[in-house]
C-alpha cells in the first residue's frame, strides 16, 4: 500500500464512529425490565436525559416516588454508580 492508500485508510478511520463505551456495572440489568419502546406499566428509558434518570433514581431511593421494586434497586447504587449508569444509558440512546 502506498502513501495515498495509507492516507485514505487513515481518513476513513477518523470518520468511523467510536465504539460504545463499556457499560458500568449494573447498567445492563435495566433493560431486563425497561423495554426500548413503551409497553405496559414499566416505562422505556429511551429519550430520558442522564439528569432525569439520576433524579428518578434518587426519588425512588429516598422514598419520594412510589415504587414496587425500584426503591430497593435504587438503594443498591451509590450516587457515583447511579450517575455512571445514567450517563451510559443516555449516551447509548439513538
PDB file of N, CA and C in Angstrom:
ATOM      1  N   UNK A   1       0.862  -1.161   0.000  1.00  0.00           N
ATOM      2  CA  UNK A   1       0.000   0.000   0.000  1.00  0.00           C
ATOM      3  C   UNK A   1       0.908   1.223   0.000  1.00  0.00           C
ATOM      4  N   UNK A   2       0.547   2.183  -0.838  1.00  0.00           N
ATOM      5  CA  UNK A   2       1.327   3.403  -0.933  1.00  0.00           C
ATOM      6  C   UNK A   2       0.883   4.425   0.091  1.00  0.00           C
ATOM      7  N   UNK A   3       1.523   5.573   0.014  1.00  0.00           N
ATOM      8  CA  UNK A   3       1.205   6.662   0.934  1.00  0.00           C
ATOM      9  C   UNK A   3      -0.242   7.113   0.760  1.00  0.00           C
ATOM     10  N   UNK A   4      -0.702   7.192  -0.492  1.00  0.00           N
ATOM     11  CA  UNK A   4      -2.082   7.623  -0.745  1.00  0.00           C
ATOM     12  C   UNK A   4      -3.073   6.659  -0.104  1.00  0.00           C
ATOM     13  N   UNK A   5      -2.820   5.368  -0.224  1.00  0.00           N
ATOM     14  CA  UNK A   5      -3.706   4.374   0.383  1.00  0.00           C
ATOM     15  C   UNK A   5      -3.727   4.488   1.892  1.00  0.00           C
ATOM     16  N   UNK A   6      -2.565   4.738   2.483  1.00  0.00           N
ATOM     17  CA  UNK A   6      -2.492   4.888   3.934  1.00  0.00           C
ATOM     18  C   UNK A   6      -3.252   6.128   4.388  1.00  0.00           C
ATOM     19  N   UNK A   7      -3.157   7.203   3.611  1.00  0.00           N
ATOM     20  CA  UNK A   7      -3.878   8.427   3.950  1.00  0.00           C
ATOM     21  C   UNK A   7      -5.379   8.195   3.877  1.00  0.00           C
ATOM     22  N   UNK A   8      -5.837   7.517   2.818  1.00  0.00           N
ATOM     23  CA  UNK A   8      -7.265   7.231   2.670  1.00  0.00           C
ATOM     24  C   UNK A   8      -7.761   6.383   3.836  1.00  0.00           C
ATOM     25  N   UNK A   9      -7.016   5.349   4.174  1.00  0.00           N
ATOM     26  CA  UNK A   9      -7.429   4.499   5.294  1.00  0.00           C
ATOM     27  C   UNK A   9      -7.429   5.279   6.606  1.00  0.00           C
ATOM     28  N   UNK A  10      -6.478   6.177   6.770  1.00  0.00           N
ATOM     29  CA  UNK A  10      -6.438   6.998   7.976  1.00  0.00           C
ATOM     30  C   UNK A  10      -7.641   7.909   8.075  1.00  0.00           C
ATOM     31  N   UNK A  11      -8.031   8.513   6.957  1.00  0.00           N
ATOM     32  CA  UNK A  11      -9.203   9.391   6.947  1.00  0.00           C
ATOM     33  C   UNK A  11     -10.464   8.591   7.215  1.00  0.00           C
ATOM     34  N   UNK A  12     -10.572   7.421   6.618  1.00  0.00           N
ATOM     35  CA  UNK A  12     -11.735   6.560   6.863  1.00  0.00           C
ATOM     36  C   UNK A  12     -11.795   6.181   8.340  1.00  0.00           C
ATOM     37  N   UNK A  13     -10.654   5.873   8.917  1.00  0.00           N
ATOM     38  CA  UNK A  13     -10.614   5.524  10.334  1.00  0.00           C
ATOM     39  C   UNK A  13     -11.064   6.665  11.222  1.00  0.00           C
ATOM     40  N   UNK A  14     -10.723   7.898  10.837  1.00  0.00           N
ATOM     41  CA  UNK A  14     -11.155   9.056  11.617  1.00  0.00           C
ATOM     42  C   UNK A  14     -12.656   9.276  11.522  1.00  0.00           C
ATOM     43  N   UNK A  15     -13.247   8.903  10.387  1.00  0.00           N
ATOM     44  CA  UNK A  15     -14.677   9.113  10.180  1.00  0.00           C
ATOM     45  C   UNK A  15     -15.526   8.031  10.831  1.00  0.00           C
ATOM     46  N   UNK A  16     -14.931   6.911  11.157  1.00  0.00           N
ATOM     47  CA  UNK A  16     -15.692   5.806  11.741  1.00  0.00           C
ATOM     48  C   UNK A  16     -16.135   6.174  13.153  1.00  0.00           C
ATOM     49  N   UNK A  17     -17.340   5.772  13.540  1.00  0.00           N
ATOM     50  CA  UNK A  17     -17.801   6.078  14.893  1.00  0.00           C
ATOM     51  C   UNK A  17     -16.967   5.341  15.925  1.00  0.00           C
ATOM     52  N   UNK A  18     -16.779   5.970  17.055  1.00  0.00           N
ATOM     53  CA  UNK A  18     -16.042   5.335  18.140  1.00  0.00           C
ATOM     54  C   UNK A  18     -16.882   4.203  18.711  1.00  0.00           C
ATOM     55  N   UNK A  19     -16.235   3.148  19.150  1.00  0.00           N
ATOM     56  CA  UNK A  19     -17.011   2.060  19.757  1.00  0.00           C
ATOM     57  C   UNK A  19     -17.683   2.556  21.032  1.00  0.00           C
ATOM     58  N   UNK A  20     -18.845   2.008  21.307  1.00  0.00           N
ATOM     59  CA  UNK A  20     -19.592   2.401  22.504  1.00  0.00           C
ATOM     60  C   UNK A  20     -18.781   2.040  23.741  1.00  0.00           C
ATOM     61  N   UNK A  21     -18.848   2.898  24.723  1.00  0.00           N
ATOM     62  CA  UNK A  21     -18.153   2.635  25.976  1.00  0.00           C
ATOM     63  C   UNK A  21     -18.774   1.417  26.647  1.00  0.00           C
ATOM     64  N   UNK A  22     -17.947   0.699  27.355  1.00  0.00           N
ATOM     65  CA  UNK A  22     -18.453  -0.464  28.084  1.00  0.00           C
ATOM     66  C   UNK A  22     -19.432   0.019  29.153  1.00  0.00           C
ATOM     67  N   UNK A  23     -20.513  -0.697  29.341  1.00  0.00           N
ATOM     68  CA  UNK A  23     -21.494  -0.274  30.349  1.00  0.00           C
ATOM     69  C   UNK A  23     -20.921  -0.396  31.758  1.00  0.00           C
ATOM     70  N   UNK A  24     -21.273   0.528  32.635  1.00  0.00           N
ATOM     71  CA  UNK A  24     -20.832   0.402  34.023  1.00  0.00           C
ATOM     72  C   UNK A  24     -21.578  -0.745  34.698  1.00  0.00           C
ATOM     73  N   UNK A  25     -21.032  -1.252  35.791  1.00  0.00           N
ATOM     74  CA  UNK A  25     -21.709  -2.343  36.495  1.00  0.00           C
ATOM     75  C   UNK A  25     -23.154  -1.981  36.829  1.00  0.00           C
ATOM     76  N   UNK A  26     -24.053  -2.898  36.515  1.00  0.00           N
ATOM     77  CA  UNK A  26     -25.467  -2.723  36.813  1.00  0.00           C
ATOM     78  C   UNK A  26     -26.286  -2.141  35.683  1.00  0.00           C
ATOM     79  N   UNK A  27     -25.647  -1.503  34.709  1.00  0.00           N
ATOM     80  CA  UNK A  27     -26.392  -0.808  33.651  1.00  0.00           C
ATOM     81  C   UNK A  27     -27.178  -1.752  32.752  1.00  0.00           C
ATOM     82  N   UNK A  28     -26.624  -2.896  32.440  1.00  0.00           N
ATOM     83  CA  UNK A  28     -27.319  -3.810  31.528  1.00  0.00           C
ATOM     84  C   UNK A  28     -28.564  -4.423  32.160  1.00  0.00           C
ATOM     85  N   UNK A  29     -28.625  -4.437  33.472  1.00  0.00           N
ATOM     86  CA  UNK A  29     -29.794  -5.002  34.148  1.00  0.00           C
ATOM     87  C   UNK A  29     -31.050  -4.173  33.896  1.00  0.00           C
ATOM     88  N   UNK A  30     -30.892  -2.890  33.600  1.00  0.00           N
ATOM     89  CA  UNK A  30     -32.054  -2.017  33.383  1.00  0.00           C
ATOM     90  C   UNK A  30     -32.928  -2.523  32.240  1.00  0.00           C
ATOM     91  N   UNK A  31     -32.280  -3.018  31.188  1.00  0.00           N
ATOM     92  CA  UNK A  31     -33.009  -3.495  30.017  1.00  0.00           C
ATOM     93  C   UNK A  31     -33.842  -4.737  30.279  1.00  0.00           C
ATOM     94  N   UNK A  32     -33.608  -5.409  31.383  1.00  0.00           N
ATOM     95  CA  UNK A  32     -34.404  -6.579  31.714  1.00  0.00           C
ATOM     96  C   UNK A  32     -35.864  -6.245  31.983  1.00  0.00           C
ATOM     97  N   UNK A  33     -36.108  -5.044  32.471  1.00  0.00           N
ATOM     98  CA  UNK A  33     -37.478  -4.605  32.757  1.00  0.00           C
ATOM     99  C   UNK A  33     -37.916  -3.435  31.883  1.00  0.00           C
ATOM    100  N   UNK A  34     -36.975  -2.541  31.578  1.00  0.00           N
ATOM    101  CA  UNK A  34     -37.301  -1.333  30.808  1.00  0.00           C
ATOM    102  C   UNK A  34     -37.075  -1.590  29.326  1.00  0.00           C
ATOM    103  N   UNK A  35     -38.167  -1.741  28.565  1.00  0.00           N
ATOM    104  CA  UNK A  35     -38.053  -2.055  27.138  1.00  0.00           C
ATOM    105  C   UNK A  35     -37.623  -0.824  26.337  1.00  0.00           C
ATOM    106  N   UNK A  36     -37.078  -1.053  25.121  1.00  0.00           N
ATOM    107  CA  UNK A  36     -36.710   0.082  24.266  1.00  0.00           C
ATOM    108  C   UNK A  36     -37.920   0.943  23.894  1.00  0.00           C
ATOM    109  N   UNK A  37     -39.072   0.329  23.725  1.00  0.00           N
ATOM    110  CA  UNK A  37     -40.301   1.058  23.380  1.00  0.00           C
ATOM    111  C   UNK A  37     -41.287   0.916  24.540  1.00  0.00           C
ATOM    112  N   UNK A  38     -42.061   1.963  24.812  1.00  0.00           N
ATOM    113  CA  UNK A  38     -43.019   1.887  25.919  1.00  0.00           C
ATOM    114  C   UNK A  38     -44.003   0.728  25.752  1.00  0.00           C
ATOM    115  N   UNK A  39     -44.212   0.009  26.833  1.00  0.00           N
ATOM    116  CA  UNK A  39     -45.207  -1.063  26.844  1.00  0.00           C
ATOM    117  C   UNK A  39     -45.526  -1.406  28.288  1.00  0.00           C
ATOM    118  N   UNK A  40     -46.777  -1.484  28.593  1.00  0.00           N
ATOM    119  CA  UNK A  40     -47.189  -1.848  29.941  1.00  0.00           C
ATOM    120  C   UNK A  40     -46.845  -0.788  30.974  1.00  0.00           C
ATOM    121  N   UNK A  41     -46.728  -1.219  32.217  1.00  0.00           N
ATOM    122  CA  UNK A  41     -46.522  -0.299  33.333  1.00  0.00           C
ATOM    123  C   UNK A  41     -45.071   0.147  33.487  1.00  0.00           C
ATOM    124  N   UNK A  42     -44.132  -0.602  32.933  1.00  0.00           N
ATOM    125  CA  UNK A  42     -42.717  -0.258  33.073  1.00  0.00           C
ATOM    126  C   UNK A  42     -42.310   0.649  31.918  1.00  0.00           C
ATOM    127  N   UNK A  43     -41.891   1.878  32.218  1.00  0.00           N
ATOM    128  CA  UNK A  43     -41.570   2.821  31.140  1.00  0.00           C
ATOM    129  C   UNK A  43     -40.247   2.512  30.455  1.00  0.00           C
ATOM    130  N   UNK A  44     -40.149   2.973  29.230  1.00  0.00           N
ATOM    131  CA  UNK A  44     -38.888   2.911  28.499  1.00  0.00           C
ATOM    132  C   UNK A  44     -37.974   4.002  29.041  1.00  0.00           C
ATOM    133  N   UNK A  45     -36.674   3.780  28.994  1.00  0.00           N
ATOM    134  CA  UNK A  45     -35.713   4.805  29.399  1.00  0.00           C
ATOM    135  C   UNK A  45     -35.240   5.624  28.206  1.00  0.00           C
ATOM    136  N   UNK A  46     -35.641   5.224  27.022  1.00  0.00           N
ATOM    137  CA  UNK A  46     -35.237   5.917  25.796  1.00  0.00           C
ATOM    138  C   UNK A  46     -35.731   7.361  25.823  1.00  0.00           C
ATOM    139  N   UNK A  47     -34.854   8.267  25.472  1.00  0.00           N
ATOM    140  CA  UNK A  47     -35.214   9.673  25.416  1.00  0.00           C
ATOM    141  C   UNK A  47     -35.055  10.416  26.734  1.00  0.00           C
ATOM    142  N   UNK A  48     -34.709   9.717  27.791  1.00  0.00           N
ATOM    143  CA  UNK A  48     -34.530  10.379  29.088  1.00  0.00           C
ATOM    144  C   UNK A  48     -33.086  10.858  29.217  1.00  0.00           C
ATOM    145  N   UNK A  49     -32.936  12.041  29.748  1.00  0.00           N
ATOM    146  CA  UNK A  49     -31.590  12.572  29.965  1.00  0.00           C
ATOM    147  C   UNK A  49     -30.964  11.895  31.179  1.00  0.00           C
ATOM    148  N   UNK A  50     -29.653  11.983  31.262  1.00  0.00           N
ATOM    149  CA  UNK A  50     -28.954  11.425  32.418  1.00  0.00           C
ATOM    150  C   UNK A  50     -29.435  12.090  33.705  1.00  0.00           C
ATOM    151  N   UNK A  51     -29.648  13.407  33.665  1.00  0.00           N
ATOM    152  CA  UNK A  51     -30.108  14.112  34.867  1.00  0.00           C
ATOM    153  C   UNK A  51     -31.485  13.635  35.315  1.00  0.00           C
ATOM    154  N   UNK A  52     -32.361  13.342  34.365  1.00  0.00           N
ATOM    155  CA  UNK A  52     -33.695  12.832  34.701  1.00  0.00           C
ATOM    156  C   UNK A  52     -33.597  11.449  35.325  1.00  0.00           C
ATOM    157  N   UNK A  53     -32.758  10.603  34.761  1.00  0.00           N
ATOM    158  CA  UNK A  53     -32.589   9.249  35.305  1.00  0.00           C
ATOM    159  C   UNK A  53     -32.039   9.324  36.727  1.00  0.00           C
ATOM    160  N   UNK A  54     -31.045  10.181  36.950  1.00  0.00           N
ATOM    161  CA  UNK A  54     -30.473  10.339  38.292  1.00  0.00           C
ATOM    162  C   UNK A  54     -31.537  10.842  39.266  1.00  0.00           C
ATOM    163  N   UNK A  55     -32.301  11.839  38.865  1.00  0.00           N
ATOM    164  CA  UNK A  55     -33.349  12.384  39.745  1.00  0.00           C
ATOM    165  C   UNK A  55     -34.392  11.321  40.076  1.00  0.00           C
ATOM    166  N   UNK A  56     -34.778  10.532  39.084  1.00  0.00           N
ATOM    167  CA  UNK A  56     -35.749   9.460  39.329  1.00  0.00           C
ATOM    168  C   UNK A  56     -35.187   8.425  40.299  1.00  0.00           C
ATOM    169  N   UNK A  57     -33.934   8.037  40.098  1.00  0.00           N
ATOM    170  CA  UNK A  57     -33.321   7.042  40.985  1.00  0.00           C
ATOM    171  C   UNK A  57     -33.227   7.564  42.419  1.00  0.00           C
ATOM    172  N   UNK A  58     -32.876   8.828  42.579  1.00  0.00           N
ATOM    173  CA  UNK A  58     -32.808   9.414  43.929  1.00  0.00           C
ATOM    174  C   UNK A  58     -34.187   9.450  44.576  1.00  0.00           C
ATOM    175  N   UNK A  59     -35.194   9.800  43.785  1.00  0.00           N
ATOM    176  CA  UNK A  59     -36.560   9.841  44.320  1.00  0.00           C
ATOM    177  C   UNK A  59     -37.011   8.450  44.761  1.00  0.00           C
ATOM    178  N   UNK A  60     -36.681   7.432  43.981  1.00  0.00           N
ATOM    179  CA  UNK A  60     -37.006   6.057  44.383  1.00  0.00           C
ATOM    180  C   UNK A  60     -36.250   5.695  45.659  1.00  0.00           C
ATOM    181  N   UNK A  61     -34.957   5.969  45.677  1.00  0.00           N
ATOM    182  CA  UNK A  61     -34.110   5.603  46.813  1.00  0.00           C
ATOM    183  C   UNK A  61     -34.563   6.283  48.100  1.00  0.00           C
ATOM    184  N   UNK A  62     -34.954   7.560  47.984  1.00  0.00           N
ATOM    185  CA  UNK A  62     -35.330   8.335  49.163  1.00  0.00           C
ATOM    186  C   UNK A  62     -36.794   8.168  49.567  1.00  0.00           C
ATOM    187  N   UNK A  63     -37.558   7.379  48.802  1.00  0.00           N
ATOM    188  CA  UNK A  63     -38.959   7.150  49.120  1.00  0.00           C
ATOM    189  C   UNK A  63     -39.881   8.275  48.690  1.00  0.00           C
ATOM    190  N   UNK A  64     -39.376   9.201  47.886  1.00  0.00           N
ATOM    191  CA  UNK A  64     -40.196  10.322  47.422  1.00  0.00           C
ATOM    192  C   UNK A  64     -41.065   9.941  46.234  1.00  0.00           C
ATOM    193  N   UNK A  65     -40.769   8.828  45.618  1.00  0.00           N
ATOM    194  CA  UNK A  65     -41.554   8.357  44.474  1.00  0.00           C
ATOM    195  C   UNK A  65     -41.999   6.930  44.766  1.00  0.00           C
ATOM    196  N   UNK A  66     -43.294   6.654  44.651  1.00  0.00           N
ATOM    197  CA  UNK A  66     -43.780   5.301  44.936  1.00  0.00           C
ATOM    198  C   UNK A  66     -43.207   4.290  43.951  1.00  0.00           C
ATOM    199  N   UNK A  67     -42.970   3.094  44.454  1.00  0.00           N
ATOM    200  CA  UNK A  67     -42.398   2.051  43.600  1.00  0.00           C
ATOM    201  C   UNK A  67     -42.738   0.680  44.147  1.00  0.00           C
ATOM    202  N   UNK A  68     -42.723  -0.296  43.260  1.00  0.00           N
ATOM    203  CA  UNK A  68     -42.890  -1.680  43.692  1.00  0.00           C
ATOM    204  C   UNK A  68     -41.532  -2.346  43.880  1.00  0.00           C
ATOM    205  N   UNK A  69     -40.583  -2.032  43.011  1.00  0.00           N
ATOM    206  CA  UNK A  69     -39.259  -2.652  43.056  1.00  0.00           C
ATOM    207  C   UNK A  69     -38.136  -1.616  42.991  1.00  0.00           C
ATOM    208  N   UNK A  70     -38.359  -0.520  42.271  1.00  0.00           N
ATOM    209  CA  UNK A  70     -37.282   0.426  42.010  1.00  0.00           C
ATOM    210  C   UNK A  70     -36.711   1.061  43.275  1.00  0.00           C
ATOM    211  N   UNK A  71     -37.488   1.171  44.327  1.00  0.00           N
ATOM    212  CA  UNK A  71     -36.950   1.734  45.563  1.00  0.00           C
ATOM    213  C   UNK A  71     -35.822   0.863  46.101  1.00  0.00           C
ATOM    214  N   UNK A  72     -36.007  -0.432  46.049  1.00  0.00           N
ATOM    215  CA  UNK A  72     -34.969  -1.354  46.531  1.00  0.00           C
ATOM    216  C   UNK A  72     -33.780  -1.400  45.588  1.00  0.00           C
ATOM    217  N   UNK A  73     -34.043  -1.364  44.293  1.00  0.00           N
ATOM    218  CA  UNK A  73     -32.951  -1.373  43.315  1.00  0.00           C
ATOM    219  C   UNK A  73     -32.115  -0.107  43.467  1.00  0.00           C
ATOM    220  N   UNK A  74     -32.756   1.045  43.576  1.00  0.00           N
ATOM    221  CA  UNK A  74     -32.041   2.322  43.673  1.00  0.00           C
ATOM    222  C   UNK A  74     -31.157   2.391  44.914  1.00  0.00           C
ATOM    223  N   UNK A  75     -31.580   1.770  45.999  1.00  0.00           N
ATOM    224  CA  UNK A  75     -30.787   1.782  47.231  1.00  0.00           C
ATOM    225  C   UNK A  75     -29.494   0.989  47.086  1.00  0.00           C
ATOM    226  N   UNK A  76     -29.411   0.148  46.071  1.00  0.00           N
ATOM    227  CA  UNK A  76     -28.219  -0.667  45.861  1.00  0.00           C
ATOM    228  C   UNK A  76     -27.086   0.037  45.144  1.00  0.00           C
ATOM    229  N   UNK A  77     -27.292   1.292  44.734  1.00  0.00           N
ATOM    230  CA  UNK A  77     -26.269   2.026  43.989  1.00  0.00           C
ATOM    231  C   UNK A  77     -25.890   3.310  44.712  1.00  0.00           C
ATOM    232  N   UNK A  78     -24.597   3.604  44.712  1.00  0.00           N
ATOM    233  CA  UNK A  78     -24.124   4.882  45.257  1.00  0.00           C
ATOM    234  C   UNK A  78     -24.480   5.996  44.272  1.00  0.00           C
ATOM    235  N   UNK A  79     -24.307   7.242  44.701  1.00  0.00           N
ATOM    236  CA  UNK A  79     -24.559   8.368  43.798  1.00  0.00           C
ATOM    237  C   UNK A  79     -23.654   8.293  42.565  1.00  0.00           C
ATOM    238  N   UNK A  80     -22.387   7.940  42.772  1.00  0.00           N
ATOM    239  CA  UNK A  80     -21.455   7.844  41.640  1.00  0.00           C
ATOM    240  C   UNK A  80     -21.850   6.724  40.679  1.00  0.00           C
ATOM    241  N   UNK A  81     -22.261   5.587  41.223  1.00  0.00           N
ATOM    242  CA  UNK A  81     -22.700   4.479  40.367  1.00  0.00           C
ATOM    243  C   UNK A  81     -23.959   4.851  39.593  1.00  0.00           C
ATOM    244  N   UNK A  82     -24.895   5.515  40.270  1.00  0.00           N
ATOM    245  CA  UNK A  82     -26.128   5.950  39.610  1.00  0.00           C
ATOM    246  C   UNK A  82     -25.811   6.909  38.476  1.00  0.00           C
ATOM    247  N   UNK A  83     -24.916   7.854  38.711  1.00  0.00           N
ATOM    248  CA  UNK A  83     -24.540   8.822  37.672  1.00  0.00           C
ATOM    249  C   UNK A  83     -23.882   8.112  36.489  1.00  0.00           C
ATOM    250  N   UNK A  84     -23.006   7.168  36.753  1.00  0.00           N
ATOM    251  CA  UNK A  84     -22.331   6.441  35.669  1.00  0.00           C
ATOM    252  C   UNK A  84     -23.342   5.665  34.826  1.00  0.00           C
ATOM    253  N   UNK A  85     -24.280   5.015  35.475  1.00  0.00           N
ATOM    254  CA  UNK A  85     -25.315   4.263  34.754  1.00  0.00           C
ATOM    255  C   UNK A  85     -26.182   5.214  33.941  1.00  0.00           C
ATOM    256  N   UNK A  86     -26.603   6.316  34.549  1.00  0.00           N
ATOM    257  CA  UNK A  86     -27.459   7.287  33.857  1.00  0.00           C
ATOM    258  C   UNK A  86     -26.742   7.891  32.656  1.00  0.00           C
ATOM    259  N   UNK A  87     -25.472   8.241  32.832  1.00  0.00           N
ATOM    260  CA  UNK A  87     -24.697   8.797  31.717  1.00  0.00           C
ATOM    261  C   UNK A  87     -24.594   7.789  30.579  1.00  0.00           C
ATOM    262  N   UNK A  88     -24.349   6.527  30.920  1.00  0.00           N
ATOM    263  CA  UNK A  88     -24.213   5.494  29.895  1.00  0.00           C
ATOM    264  C   UNK A  88     -25.544   5.262  29.177  1.00  0.00           C
ATOM    265  N   UNK A  89     -26.626   5.171  29.935  1.00  0.00           N
ATOM    266  CA  UNK A  89     -27.940   4.949  29.322  1.00  0.00           C
ATOM    267  C   UNK A  89     -28.315   6.094  28.387  1.00  0.00           C
ATOM    268  N   UNK A  90     -28.088   7.326  28.826  1.00  0.00           N
ATOM    269  CA  UNK A  90     -28.438   8.485  27.999  1.00  0.00           C
ATOM    270  C   UNK A  90     -27.582   8.538  26.734  1.00  0.00           C
ATOM    271  N   UNK A  91     -26.307   8.190  26.845  1.00  0.00           N
ATOM    272  CA  UNK A  91     -25.408   8.228  25.684  1.00  0.00           C
ATOM    273  C   UNK A  91     -25.676   7.085  24.715  1.00  0.00           C
ATOM    274  N   UNK A  92     -26.213   5.984  25.208  1.00  0.00           N
ATOM    275  CA  UNK A  92     -26.448   4.806  24.366  1.00  0.00           C
ATOM    276  C   UNK A  92     -27.698   4.938  23.515  1.00  0.00           C
ATOM    277  N   UNK A  93     -28.485   5.965  23.749  1.00  0.00           N
ATOM    278  CA  UNK A  93     -29.744   6.133  23.024  1.00  0.00           C
ATOM    279  C   UNK A  93     -29.500   6.750  21.653  1.00  0.00           C
ATOM    280  N   UNK A  94     -30.331   6.367  20.687  1.00  0.00           N
ATOM    281  CA  UNK A  94     -30.178   6.957  19.343  1.00  0.00           C
ATOM    282  C   UNK A  94     -30.610   8.410  19.310  1.00  0.00           C
TER     283      UNK A  94
END
